[in-house]
Amino acid sequence: MATMQKLDTVFKALADPTRRAILARLVEGEATVDQLSEPFEMSQPSISRHLKVLENAGLISTRINGTSRPRQIEVQPFNAVRDWLEQYRVIWDANYARLDDVLADLMDQEEKE
């Protein structure tokens, strides 16, 4: 999948608060569908649909452990998001540095008056 398409898929998956909550839980360690569905007032099939979206985005993976299928978080897609955001951080930092210079000049002019 192309990089921008992958980012689109990741951002769409992250747009849902339930999926973000699932990811927050998985940061603590792997969990089964039953464990992941506990804090939510929704059916297990609904949770499974959310898990499918997260898995399609590459944000989680499933490990087979006998009859259990625990999910775990995957780091790589988050690294891709971080790298994409980093290019904008460089621009924002440069803009803030220019703004700091303008404000410093205004302060100097004000002190001289």
PDB file of N, CA and C in Angstrom:
ATOM      1  N   MET A   1       0.854  -1.180   0.000  1.00  0.00           N
ATOM      2  CA  MET A   1       0.000   0.000   0.000  1.00  0.00           C
ATOM      3  C   MET A   1       0.893   1.234   0.000  1.00  0.00           C
ATOM      4  N   ALA A   2       0.572   2.200  -0.831  1.00  0.00           N
ATOM      5  CA  ALA A   2       1.360   3.423  -0.909  1.00  0.00           C
ATOM      6  C   ALA A   2       1.324   4.153   0.432  1.00  0.00           C
ATOM      7  N   THR A   3       2.351   4.929   0.683  1.00  0.00           N
ATOM      8  CA  THR A   3       2.497   5.593   1.974  1.00  0.00           C
ATOM      9  C   THR A   3       1.301   6.468   2.322  1.00  0.00           C
ATOM     10  N   MET A   4       0.847   7.306   1.387  1.00  0.00           N
ATOM     11  CA  MET A   4      -0.280   8.194   1.688  1.00  0.00           C
ATOM     12  C   MET A   4      -1.570   7.408   1.891  1.00  0.00           C
ATOM     13  N   GLN A   5      -1.773   6.348   1.128  1.00  0.00           N
ATOM     14  CA  GLN A   5      -2.955   5.506   1.329  1.00  0.00           C
ATOM     15  C   GLN A   5      -2.900   4.853   2.703  1.00  0.00           C
ATOM     16  N   LYS A   6      -1.722   4.413   3.101  1.00  0.00           N
ATOM     17  CA  LYS A   6      -1.553   3.787   4.413  1.00  0.00           C
ATOM     18  C   LYS A   6      -1.862   4.787   5.522  1.00  0.00           C
ATOM     19  N   LEU A   7      -1.355   6.015   5.365  1.00  0.00           N
ATOM     20  CA  LEU A   7      -1.647   7.049   6.359  1.00  0.00           C
ATOM     21  C   LEU A   7      -3.143   7.349   6.419  1.00  0.00           C
ATOM     22  N   ASP A   8      -3.797   7.397   5.258  1.00  0.00           N
ATOM     23  CA  ASP A   8      -5.246   7.621   5.234  1.00  0.00           C
ATOM     24  C   ASP A   8      -5.964   6.534   6.025  1.00  0.00           C
ATOM     25  N   THR A   9      -5.562   5.285   5.815  1.00  0.00           N
ATOM     26  CA  THR A   9      -6.187   4.164   6.505  1.00  0.00           C
ATOM     27  C   THR A   9      -5.956   4.256   8.013  1.00  0.00           C
ATOM     28  N   VAL A  10      -4.745   4.620   8.399  1.00  0.00           N
ATOM     29  CA  VAL A  10      -4.425   4.748   9.827  1.00  0.00           C
ATOM     30  C   VAL A  10      -5.240   5.871  10.457  1.00  0.00           C
ATOM     31  N   PHE A  11      -5.274   7.045   9.797  1.00  0.00           N
ATOM     32  CA  PHE A  11      -6.022   8.165  10.361  1.00  0.00           C
ATOM     33  C   PHE A  11      -7.520   7.867  10.440  1.00  0.00           C
ATOM     34  N   LYS A  12      -8.058   7.177   9.458  1.00  0.00           N
ATOM     35  CA  LYS A  12      -9.475   6.796   9.517  1.00  0.00           C
ATOM     36  C   LYS A  12      -9.730   5.859  10.690  1.00  0.00           C
ATOM     37  N   ALA A  13      -8.817   4.936  10.922  1.00  0.00           N
ATOM     38  CA  ALA A  13      -8.965   4.017  12.059  1.00  0.00           C
ATOM     39  C   ALA A  13      -8.875   4.769  13.379  1.00  0.00           C
ATOM     40  N   LEU A  14      -7.993   5.743  13.451  1.00  0.00           N
ATOM     41  CA  LEU A  14      -7.800   6.508  14.687  1.00  0.00           C
ATOM     42  C   LEU A  14      -8.907   7.538  14.923  1.00  0.00           C
ATOM     43  N   ALA A  15      -9.726   7.799  13.924  1.00  0.00           N
ATOM     44  CA  ALA A  15     -10.778   8.812  14.046  1.00  0.00           C
ATOM     45  C   ALA A  15     -11.880   8.402  15.012  1.00  0.00           C
ATOM     46  N   ASP A  16     -12.004   7.117  15.288  1.00  0.00           N
ATOM     47  CA  ASP A  16     -13.092   6.626  16.134  1.00  0.00           C
ATOM     48  C   ASP A  16     -12.635   6.527  17.591  1.00  0.00           C
ATOM     49  N   PRO A  17     -13.399   7.108  18.536  1.00  0.00           N
ATOM     50  CA  PRO A  17     -12.989   7.073  19.949  1.00  0.00           C
ATOM     51  C   PRO A  17     -12.939   5.657  20.539  1.00  0.00           C
ATOM     52  N   THR A  18     -13.810   4.768  20.082  1.00  0.00           N
ATOM     53  CA  THR A  18     -13.772   3.391  20.582  1.00  0.00           C
ATOM     54  C   THR A  18     -12.475   2.716  20.169  1.00  0.00           C
ATOM     55  N   ARG A  19     -12.065   2.920  18.942  1.00  0.00           N
ATOM     56  CA  ARG A  19     -10.818   2.315  18.482  1.00  0.00           C
ATOM     57  C   ARG A  19      -9.616   2.907  19.205  1.00  0.00           C
ATOM     58  N   ARG A  20      -9.655   4.210  19.487  1.00  0.00           N
ATOM     59  CA  ARG A  20      -8.561   4.810  20.253  1.00  0.00           C
ATOM     60  C   ARG A  20      -8.519   4.235  21.663  1.00  0.00           C
ATOM     61  N   ALA A  21      -9.681   3.989  22.251  1.00  0.00           N
ATOM     62  CA  ALA A  21      -9.732   3.388  23.590  1.00  0.00           C
ATOM     63  C   ALA A  21      -9.194   1.960  23.563  1.00  0.00           C
ATOM     64  N   ILE A  22      -9.505   1.221  22.520  1.00  0.00           N
ATOM     65  CA  ILE A  22      -8.979  -0.139  22.369  1.00  0.00           C
ATOM     66  C   ILE A  22      -7.458  -0.095  22.278  1.00  0.00           C
ATOM     67  N   LEU A  23      -6.936   0.828  21.491  1.00  0.00           N
ATOM     68  CA  LEU A  23      -5.486   0.959  21.368  1.00  0.00           C
ATOM     69  C   LEU A  23      -4.855   1.334  22.704  1.00  0.00           C
ATOM     70  N   ALA A  24      -5.507   2.225  23.440  1.00  0.00           N
ATOM     71  CA  ALA A  24      -4.992   2.610  24.758  1.00  0.00           C
ATOM     72  C   ALA A  24      -4.921   1.399  25.678  1.00  0.00           C
ATOM     73  N   ARG A  25      -5.910   0.541  25.598  1.00  0.00           N
ATOM     74  CA  ARG A  25      -5.892  -0.685  26.407  1.00  0.00           C
ATOM     75  C   ARG A  25      -4.762  -1.607  25.957  1.00  0.00           C
ATOM     76  N   LEU A  26      -4.557  -1.725  24.655  1.00  0.00           N
ATOM     77  CA  LEU A  26      -3.528  -2.624  24.134  1.00  0.00           C
ATOM     78  C   LEU A  26      -2.112  -2.119  24.417  1.00  0.00           C
ATOM     79  N   VAL A  27      -1.961  -0.844  24.708  1.00  0.00           N
ATOM     80  CA  VAL A  27      -0.647  -0.326  25.107  1.00  0.00           C
ATOM     81  C   VAL A  27      -0.207  -1.020  26.401  1.00  0.00           C
ATOM     82  N   GLU A  28      -1.165  -1.381  27.236  1.00  0.00           N
ATOM     83  CA  GLU A  28      -0.869  -2.056  28.505  1.00  0.00           C
ATOM     84  C   GLU A  28      -0.461  -3.511  28.301  1.00  0.00           C
ATOM     85  N   GLY A  29      -0.798  -4.081  27.166  1.00  0.00           N
ATOM     86  CA  GLY A  29      -0.469  -5.474  26.877  1.00  0.00           C
ATOM     87  C   GLY A  29      -1.553  -6.108  26.038  1.00  0.00           C
ATOM     88  N   GLU A  30      -1.241  -7.275  25.483  1.00  0.00           N
ATOM     89  CA  GLU A  30      -2.207  -7.928  24.598  1.00  0.00           C
ATOM     90  C   GLU A  30      -3.473  -8.315  25.357  1.00  0.00           C
ATOM     91  N   ALA A  31      -4.560  -8.462  24.598  1.00  0.00           N
ATOM     92  CA  ALA A  31      -5.861  -8.771  25.195  1.00  0.00           C
ATOM     93  C   ALA A  31      -6.734  -9.487  24.173  1.00  0.00           C
ATOM     94  N   THR A  32      -7.650 -10.291  24.687  1.00  0.00           N
ATOM     95  CA  THR A  32      -8.602 -10.996  23.837  1.00  0.00           C
ATOM     96  C   THR A  32      -9.800 -10.089  23.545  1.00  0.00           C
ATOM     97  N   VAL A  33     -10.647 -10.518  22.630  1.00  0.00           N
ATOM     98  CA  VAL A  33     -11.854  -9.755  22.305  1.00  0.00           C
ATOM     99  C   VAL A  33     -12.713  -9.587  23.552  1.00  0.00           C
ATOM    100  N   ASP A  34     -12.856 -10.642  24.344  1.00  0.00           N
ATOM    101  CA  ASP A  34     -13.650 -10.547  25.579  1.00  0.00           C
ATOM    102  C   ASP A  34     -13.081  -9.483  26.514  1.00  0.00           C
ATOM    103  N   GLN A  35     -11.768  -9.474  26.687  1.00  0.00           N
ATOM    104  CA  GLN A  35     -11.140  -8.488  27.561  1.00  0.00           C
ATOM    105  C   GLN A  35     -11.298  -7.079  27.006  1.00  0.00           C
ATOM    106  N   LEU A  36     -11.194  -6.949  25.698  1.00  0.00           N
ATOM    107  CA  LEU A  36     -11.311  -5.632  25.085  1.00  0.00           C
ATOM    108  C   LEU A  36     -12.735  -5.103  25.114  1.00  0.00           C
ATOM    109  N   SER A  37     -13.709  -5.990  25.089  1.00  0.00           N
ATOM    110  CA  SER A  37     -15.107  -5.553  25.058  1.00  0.00           C
ATOM    111  C   SER A  37     -15.648  -5.200  26.438  1.00  0.00           C
ATOM    112  N   GLU A  38     -14.961  -5.596  27.513  1.00  0.00           N
ATOM    113  CA  GLU A  38     -15.457  -5.368  28.882  1.00  0.00           C
ATOM    114  C   GLU A  38     -15.869  -3.929  29.183  1.00  0.00           C
ATOM    115  N   PRO A  39     -15.040  -2.926  28.883  1.00  0.00           N
ATOM    116  CA  PRO A  39     -15.423  -1.562  29.287  1.00  0.00           C
ATOM    117  C   PRO A  39     -16.484  -0.905  28.395  1.00  0.00           C
ATOM    118  N   PHE A  40     -16.875  -1.562  27.330  1.00  0.00           N
ATOM    119  CA  PHE A  40     -17.797  -0.947  26.384  1.00  0.00           C
ATOM    120  C   PHE A  40     -19.191  -1.551  26.503  1.00  0.00           C
ATOM    121  N   GLU A  41     -20.175  -0.717  26.249  1.00  0.00           N
ATOM    122  CA  GLU A  41     -21.553  -1.191  26.226  1.00  0.00           C
ATOM    123  C   GLU A  41     -21.940  -1.478  24.782  1.00  0.00           C
ATOM    124  N   MET A  42     -21.260  -2.447  24.193  1.00  0.00           N
ATOM    125  CA  MET A  42     -21.569  -2.866  22.828  1.00  0.00           C
ATOM    126  C   MET A  42     -21.303  -4.353  22.717  1.00  0.00           C
ATOM    127  N   SER A  43     -21.860  -4.933  21.710  1.00  0.00           N
ATOM    128  CA  SER A  43     -21.747  -6.379  21.530  1.00  0.00           C
ATOM    129  C   SER A  43     -20.336  -6.780  21.116  1.00  0.00           C
ATOM    130  N   GLN A  44     -20.030  -8.033  21.314  1.00  0.00           N
ATOM    131  CA  GLN A  44     -18.728  -8.555  20.902  1.00  0.00           C
ATOM    132  C   GLN A  44     -18.542  -8.442  19.385  1.00  0.00           C
ATOM    133  N   PRO A  45     -19.588  -8.707  18.574  1.00  0.00           N
ATOM    134  CA  PRO A  45     -19.413  -8.503  17.130  1.00  0.00           C
ATOM    135  C   PRO A  45     -19.072  -7.046  16.766  1.00  0.00           C
ATOM    136  N   SER A  46     -19.627  -6.095  17.499  1.00  0.00           N
ATOM    137  CA  SER A  46     -19.291  -4.684  17.239  1.00  0.00           C
ATOM    138  C   SER A  46     -17.831  -4.413  17.558  1.00  0.00           C
ATOM    139  N   ILE A  47     -17.363  -4.929  18.674  1.00  0.00           N
ATOM    140  CA  ILE A  47     -15.949  -4.792  19.030  1.00  0.00           C
ATOM    141  C   ILE A  47     -15.091  -5.467  17.963  1.00  0.00           C
ATOM    142  N   SER A  48     -15.517  -6.632  17.506  1.00  0.00           N
ATOM    143  CA  SER A  48     -14.760  -7.351  16.480  1.00  0.00           C
ATOM    144  C   SER A  48     -14.645  -6.533  15.199  1.00  0.00           C
ATOM    145  N   ARG A  49     -15.694  -5.794  14.852  1.00  0.00           N
ATOM    146  CA  ARG A  49     -15.633  -4.940  13.664  1.00  0.00           C
ATOM    147  C   ARG A  49     -14.598  -3.826  13.854  1.00  0.00           C
ATOM    148  N   HIS A  50     -14.565  -3.253  15.055  1.00  0.00           N
ATOM    149  CA  HIS A  50     -13.553  -2.239  15.342  1.00  0.00           C
ATOM    150  C   HIS A  50     -12.151  -2.840  15.256  1.00  0.00           C
ATOM    151  N   LEU A  51     -11.993  -4.036  15.769  1.00  0.00           N
ATOM    152  CA  LEU A  51     -10.692  -4.709  15.720  1.00  0.00           C
ATOM    153  C   LEU A  51     -10.267  -4.972  14.286  1.00  0.00           C
ATOM    154  N   LYS A  52     -11.215  -5.306  13.440  1.00  0.00           N
ATOM    155  CA  LYS A  52     -10.913  -5.557  12.026  1.00  0.00           C
ATOM    156  C   LYS A  52     -10.388  -4.279  11.359  1.00  0.00           C
ATOM    157  N   VAL A  53     -11.005  -3.147  11.674  1.00  0.00           N
ATOM    158  CA  VAL A  53     -10.552  -1.869  11.118  1.00  0.00           C
ATOM    159  C   VAL A  53      -9.119  -1.579  11.582  1.00  0.00           C
ATOM    160  N   LEU A  54      -8.869  -1.794  12.873  1.00  0.00           N
ATOM    161  CA  LEU A  54      -7.527  -1.561  13.415  1.00  0.00           C
ATOM    162  C   LEU A  54      -6.506  -2.503  12.787  1.00  0.00           C
ATOM    163  N   GLU A  55      -6.919  -3.740  12.578  1.00  0.00           N
ATOM    164  CA  GLU A  55      -6.009  -4.720  11.977  1.00  0.00           C
ATOM    165  C   GLU A  55      -5.739  -4.385  10.507  1.00  0.00           C
ATOM    166  N   ASN A  56      -6.775  -3.972   9.780  1.00  0.00           N
ATOM    167  CA  ASN A  56      -6.592  -3.585   8.375  1.00  0.00           C
ATOM    168  C   ASN A  56      -5.660  -2.380   8.238  1.00  0.00           C
ATOM    169  N   ALA A  57      -5.657  -1.521   9.247  1.00  0.00           N
ATOM    170  CA  ALA A  57      -4.769  -0.362   9.243  1.00  0.00           C
ATOM    171  C   ALA A  57      -3.358  -0.729   9.706  1.00  0.00           C
ATOM    172  N   GLY A  58      -3.180  -1.955  10.160  1.00  0.00           N
ATOM    173  CA  GLY A  58      -1.873  -2.400  10.628  1.00  0.00           C
ATOM    174  C   GLY A  58      -1.554  -1.965  12.043  1.00  0.00           C
ATOM    175  N   LEU A  59      -2.550  -1.389  12.745  1.00  0.00           N
ATOM    176  CA  LEU A  59      -2.317  -0.887  14.093  1.00  0.00           C
ATOM    177  C   LEU A  59      -2.285  -1.987  15.149  1.00  0.00           C
ATOM    178  N   ILE A  60      -2.926  -3.104  14.848  1.00  0.00           N
ATOM    179  CA  ILE A  60      -2.895  -4.251  15.755  1.00  0.00           C
ATOM    180  C   ILE A  60      -2.666  -5.521  14.945  1.00  0.00           C
ATOM    181  N   SER A  61      -2.287  -6.559  15.644  1.00  0.00           N
ATOM    182  CA  SER A  61      -2.161  -7.879  15.020  1.00  0.00           C
ATOM    183  C   SER A  61      -2.757  -8.902  15.979  1.00  0.00           C
ATOM    184  N   THR A  62      -3.045 -10.079  15.443  1.00  0.00           N
ATOM    185  CA  THR A  62      -3.632 -11.163  16.216  1.00  0.00           C
ATOM    186  C   THR A  62      -2.626 -12.290  16.337  1.00  0.00           C
ATOM    187  N   ARG A  63      -2.480 -12.776  17.552  1.00  0.00           N
ATOM    188  CA  ARG A  63      -1.602 -13.909  17.802  1.00  0.00           C
ATOM    189  C   ARG A  63      -2.483 -15.112  18.130  1.00  0.00           C
ATOM    190  N   ILE A  64      -2.187 -16.249  17.537  1.00  0.00           N
ATOM    191  CA  ILE A  64      -2.959 -17.460  17.820  1.00  0.00           C
ATOM    192  C   ILE A  64      -2.295 -18.175  18.992  1.00  0.00           C
ATOM    193  N   ASN A  65      -3.091 -18.405  20.034  1.00  0.00           N
ATOM    194  CA  ASN A  65      -2.609 -19.068  21.244  1.00  0.00           C
ATOM    195  C   ASN A  65      -3.624 -20.136  21.621  1.00  0.00           C
ATOM    196  N   GLY A  66      -3.538 -21.295  20.984  1.00  0.00           N
ATOM    197  CA  GLY A  66      -4.545 -22.338  21.194  1.00  0.00           C
ATOM    198  C   GLY A  66      -5.869 -21.874  20.624  1.00  0.00           C
ATOM    199  N   THR A  67      -6.884 -21.821  21.472  1.00  0.00           N
ATOM    200  CA  THR A  67      -8.193 -21.337  21.023  1.00  0.00           C
ATOM    201  C   THR A  67      -8.347 -19.838  21.230  1.00  0.00           C
ATOM    202  N   SER A  68      -7.393 -19.240  21.883  1.00  0.00           N
ATOM    203  CA  SER A  68      -7.426 -17.804  22.145  1.00  0.00           C
ATOM    204  C   SER A  68      -6.763 -17.043  21.005  1.00  0.00           C
ATOM    205  N   ARG A  69      -7.242 -15.819  20.756  1.00  0.00           N
ATOM    206  CA  ARG A  69      -6.692 -14.962  19.707  1.00  0.00           C
ATOM    207  C   ARG A  69      -6.408 -13.563  20.283  1.00  0.00           C
ATOM    208  N   PRO A  70      -5.400 -13.457  21.137  1.00  0.00           N
ATOM    209  CA  PRO A  70      -5.115 -12.129  21.712  1.00  0.00           C
ATOM    210  C   PRO A  70      -4.616 -11.149  20.663  1.00  0.00           C
ATOM    211  N   ARG A  71      -5.016  -9.900  20.845  1.00  0.00           N
ATOM    212  CA  ARG A  71      -4.578  -8.823  19.960  1.00  0.00           C
ATOM    213  C   ARG A  71      -3.443  -8.079  20.641  1.00  0.00           C
ATOM    214  N   GLN A  72      -2.562  -7.526  19.817  1.00  0.00           N
ATOM    215  CA  GLN A  72      -1.461  -6.717  20.336  1.00  0.00           C
ATOM    216  C   GLN A  72      -1.266  -5.516  19.428  1.00  0.00           C
ATOM    217  N   ILE A  73      -0.741  -4.464  20.012  1.00  0.00           N
ATOM    218  CA  ILE A  73      -0.533  -3.233  19.257  1.00  0.00           C
ATOM    219  C   ILE A  73       0.732  -3.369  18.405  1.00  0.00           C
ATOM    220  N   GLU A  74       0.715  -2.728  17.245  1.00  0.00           N
ATOM    221  CA  GLU A  74       1.867  -2.718  16.342  1.00  0.00           C
ATOM    222  C   GLU A  74       2.411  -1.290  16.263  1.00  0.00           C
ATOM    223  N   VAL A  75       3.699  -1.151  16.337  1.00  0.00           N
ATOM    224  CA  VAL A  75       4.330   0.160  16.434  1.00  0.00           C
ATOM    225  C   VAL A  75       4.549   0.828  15.072  1.00  0.00           C
ATOM    226  N   GLN A  76       4.846   0.072  14.057  1.00  0.00           N
ATOM    227  CA  GLN A  76       5.264   0.630  12.763  1.00  0.00           C
ATOM    228  C   GLN A  76       4.317   1.694  12.217  1.00  0.00           C
ATOM    229  N   PRO A  77       2.996   1.482  12.208  1.00  0.00           N
ATOM    230  CA  PRO A  77       2.120   2.534  11.668  1.00  0.00           C
ATOM    231  C   PRO A  77       2.209   3.840  12.461  1.00  0.00           C
ATOM    232  N   PHE A  78       2.430   3.737  13.758  1.00  0.00           N
ATOM    233  CA  PHE A  78       2.579   4.946  14.567  1.00  0.00           C
ATOM    234  C   PHE A  78       3.876   5.668  14.212  1.00  0.00           C
ATOM    235  N   ASN A  79       4.911   4.911  13.897  1.00  0.00           N
ATOM    236  CA  ASN A  79       6.167   5.508  13.449  1.00  0.00           C
ATOM    237  C   ASN A  79       5.967   6.252  12.135  1.00  0.00           C
ATOM    238  N   ALA A  80       5.172   5.685  11.235  1.00  0.00           N
ATOM    239  CA  ALA A  80       4.889   6.336   9.952  1.00  0.00           C
ATOM    240  C   ALA A  80       4.136   7.651  10.165  1.00  0.00           C
ATOM    241  N   VAL A  81       3.183   7.656  11.093  1.00  0.00           N
ATOM    242  CA  VAL A  81       2.442   8.881  11.411  1.00  0.00           C
ATOM    243  C   VAL A  81       3.397   9.914  12.010  1.00  0.00           C
ATOM    244  N   ARG A  82       4.245   9.481  12.939  1.00  0.00           N
ATOM    245  CA  ARG A  82       5.220  10.377  13.557  1.00  0.00           C
ATOM    246  C   ARG A  82       6.135  11.001  12.497  1.00  0.00           C
ATOM    247  N   ASP A  83       6.619  10.177  11.570  1.00  0.00           N
ATOM    248  CA  ASP A  83       7.507  10.674  10.520  1.00  0.00           C
ATOM    249  C   ASP A  83       6.796  11.683   9.626  1.00  0.00           C
ATOM    250  N   TRP A  84       5.531  11.415   9.324  1.00  0.00           N
ATOM    251  CA  TRP A  84       4.756  12.324   8.486  1.00  0.00           C
ATOM    252  C   TRP A  84       4.549  13.659   9.211  1.00  0.00           C
ATOM    253  N   LEU A  85       4.217  13.587  10.503  1.00  0.00           N
ATOM    254  CA  LEU A  85       4.010  14.804  11.279  1.00  0.00           C
ATOM    255  C   LEU A  85       5.308  15.579  11.481  1.00  0.00           C
ATOM    256  N   GLU A  86       6.414  14.877  11.554  1.00  0.00           N
ATOM    257  CA  GLU A  86       7.711  15.513  11.784  1.00  0.00           C
ATOM    258  C   GLU A  86       8.039  16.546  10.706  1.00  0.00           C
ATOM    259  N   GLN A  87       7.687  16.265   9.468  1.00  0.00           N
ATOM    260  CA  GLN A  87       7.978  17.227   8.405  1.00  0.00           C
ATOM    261  C   GLN A  87       7.231  18.538   8.632  1.00  0.00           C
ATOM    262  N   TYR A  88       6.058  18.463   9.232  1.00  0.00           N
ATOM    263  CA  TYR A  88       5.299  19.672   9.532  1.00  0.00           C
ATOM    264  C   TYR A  88       5.824  20.359  10.790  1.00  0.00           C
ATOM    265  N   ARG A  89       6.323  19.591  11.729  1.00  0.00           N
ATOM    266  CA  ARG A  89       6.886  20.166  12.943  1.00  0.00           C
ATOM    267  C   ARG A  89       8.061  21.075  12.584  1.00  0.00           C
ATOM    268  N   VAL A  90       8.872  20.665  11.636  1.00  0.00           N
ATOM    269  CA  VAL A  90      10.012  21.472  11.193  1.00  0.00           C
ATOM    270  C   VAL A  90       9.516  22.813  10.656  1.00  0.00           C
ATOM    271  N   ILE A  91       8.453  22.788   9.877  1.00  0.00           N
ATOM    272  CA  ILE A  91       7.873  24.024   9.323  1.00  0.00           C
ATOM    273  C   ILE A  91       7.318  24.888  10.456  1.00  0.00           C
ATOM    274  N   TRP A  92       6.571  24.260  11.378  1.00  0.00           N
ATOM    275  CA  TRP A  92       5.991  25.016  12.491  1.00  0.00           C
ATOM    276  C   TRP A  92       7.075  25.630  13.362  1.00  0.00           C
ATOM    277  N   ASP A  93       8.132  24.888  13.633  1.00  0.00           N
ATOM    278  CA  ASP A  93       9.230  25.421  14.439  1.00  0.00           C
ATOM    279  C   ASP A  93       9.851  26.637  13.772  1.00  0.00           C
ATOM    280  N   ALA A  94      10.037  26.574  12.451  1.00  0.00           N
ATOM    281  CA  ALA A  94      10.603  27.707  11.717  1.00  0.00           C
ATOM    282  C   ALA A  94       9.664  28.910  11.793  1.00  0.00           C
ATOM    283  N   ASN A  95       8.361  28.654  11.661  1.00  0.00           N
ATOM    284  CA  ASN A  95       7.389  29.750  11.754  1.00  0.00           C
ATOM    285  C   ASN A  95       7.394  30.381  13.147  1.00  0.00           C
ATOM    286  N   TYR A  96       7.458  29.556  14.180  1.00  0.00           N
ATOM    287  CA  TYR A  96       7.498  30.076  15.547  1.00  0.00           C
ATOM    288  C   TYR A  96       8.789  30.851  15.807  1.00  0.00           C
ATOM    289  N   ALA A  97       9.888  30.400  15.230  1.00  0.00           N
ATOM    290  CA  ALA A  97      11.158  31.120  15.384  1.00  0.00           C
ATOM    291  C   ALA A  97      11.057  32.494  14.744  1.00  0.00           C
ATOM    292  N   ARG A  98      10.440  32.574  13.570  1.00  0.00           N
ATOM    293  CA  ARG A  98      10.250  33.877  12.904  1.00  0.00           C
ATOM    294  C   ARG A  98       9.333  34.770  13.735  1.00  0.00           C
ATOM    295  N   LEU A  99       8.283  34.184  14.297  1.00  0.00           N
ATOM    296  CA  LEU A  99       7.367  34.946  15.153  1.00  0.00           C
ATOM    297  C   LEU A  99       8.099  35.459  16.397  1.00  0.00           C
ATOM    298  N   ASP A 100       8.940  34.634  16.978  1.00  0.00           N
ATOM    299  CA  ASP A 100       9.742  35.070  18.130  1.00  0.00           C
ATOM    300  C   ASP A 100      10.607  36.279  17.762  1.00  0.00           C
ATOM    301  N   ASP A 101      11.204  36.226  16.564  1.00  0.00           N
ATOM    302  CA  ASP A 101      12.040  37.341  16.108  1.00  0.00           C
ATOM    303  C   ASP A 101      11.214  38.616  15.960  1.00  0.00           C
ATOM    304  N   VAL A 102      10.031  38.494  15.369  1.00  0.00           N
ATOM    305  CA  VAL A 102       9.152  39.660  15.190  1.00  0.00           C
ATOM    306  C   VAL A 102       8.754  40.225  16.548  1.00  0.00           C
ATOM    307  N   LEU A 103       8.371  39.364  17.470  1.00  0.00           N
ATOM    308  CA  LEU A 103       7.977  39.826  18.801  1.00  0.00           C
ATOM    309  C   LEU A 103       9.134  40.479  19.535  1.00  0.00           C
ATOM    310  N   ALA A 104      10.338  39.928  19.388  1.00  0.00           N
ATOM    311  CA  ALA A 104      11.517  40.520  20.023  1.00  0.00           C
ATOM    312  C   ALA A 104      11.786  41.904  19.442  1.00  0.00           C
ATOM    313  N   ASP A 105      11.654  42.045  18.127  1.00  0.00           N
ATOM    314  CA  ASP A 105      11.827  43.352  17.495  1.00  0.00           C
ATOM    315  C   ASP A 105      10.797  44.359  18.009  1.00  0.00           C
ATOM    316  N   LEU A 106       9.552  43.928  18.140  1.00  0.00           N
ATOM    317  CA  LEU A 106       8.501  44.818  18.660  1.00  0.00           C
ATOM    318  C   LEU A 106       8.788  45.229  20.088  1.00  0.00           C
ATOM    319  N   MET A 107       9.278  44.304  20.889  1.00  0.00           N
ATOM    320  CA  MET A 107       9.611  44.612  22.282  1.00  0.00           C
ATOM    321  C   MET A 107      10.757  45.624  22.334  1.00  0.00           C
ATOM    322  N   ASP A 108      11.778  45.433  21.449  1.00  0.00           N
ATOM    323  CA  ASP A 108      12.892  46.378  21.402  1.00  0.00           C
ATOM    324  C   ASP A 108      12.423  47.761  21.007  1.00  0.00           C
ATOM    325  N   GLN A 109      11.533  47.852  20.007  1.00  0.00           N
ATOM    326  CA  GLN A 109      11.005  49.149  19.556  1.00  0.00           C
ATOM    327  C   GLN A 109      10.217  49.812  20.679  1.00  0.00           C
ATOM    328  N   GLU A 110       9.447  49.027  21.410  1.00  0.00           N
ATOM    329  CA  GLU A 110       8.625  49.562  22.497  1.00  0.00           C
ATOM    330  C   GLU A 110       9.502  50.097  23.633  1.00  0.00           C
ATOM    331  N   GLU A 111      10.608  49.412  23.899  1.00  0.00           N
ATOM    332  CA  GLU A 111      11.509  49.845  24.967  1.00  0.00           C
ATOM    333  C   GLU A 111      12.235  51.131  24.582  1.00  0.00           C
ATOM    334  N   LYS A 112      12.501  51.318  23.298  1.00  0.00           N
ATOM    335  CA  LYS A 112      13.205  52.492  22.810  1.00  0.00           C
ATOM    336  C   LYS A 112      12.318  53.743  22.829  1.00  0.00           C
ATOM    337  N   GLU A 113      11.021  53.540  22.807  1.00  0.00           N
ATOM    338  CA  GLU A 113      10.088  54.684  22.785  1.00  0.00           C
ATOM    339  C   GLU A 113       9.850  55.261  24.116  1.00  0.00           C
TER     340      GLU A 113
END
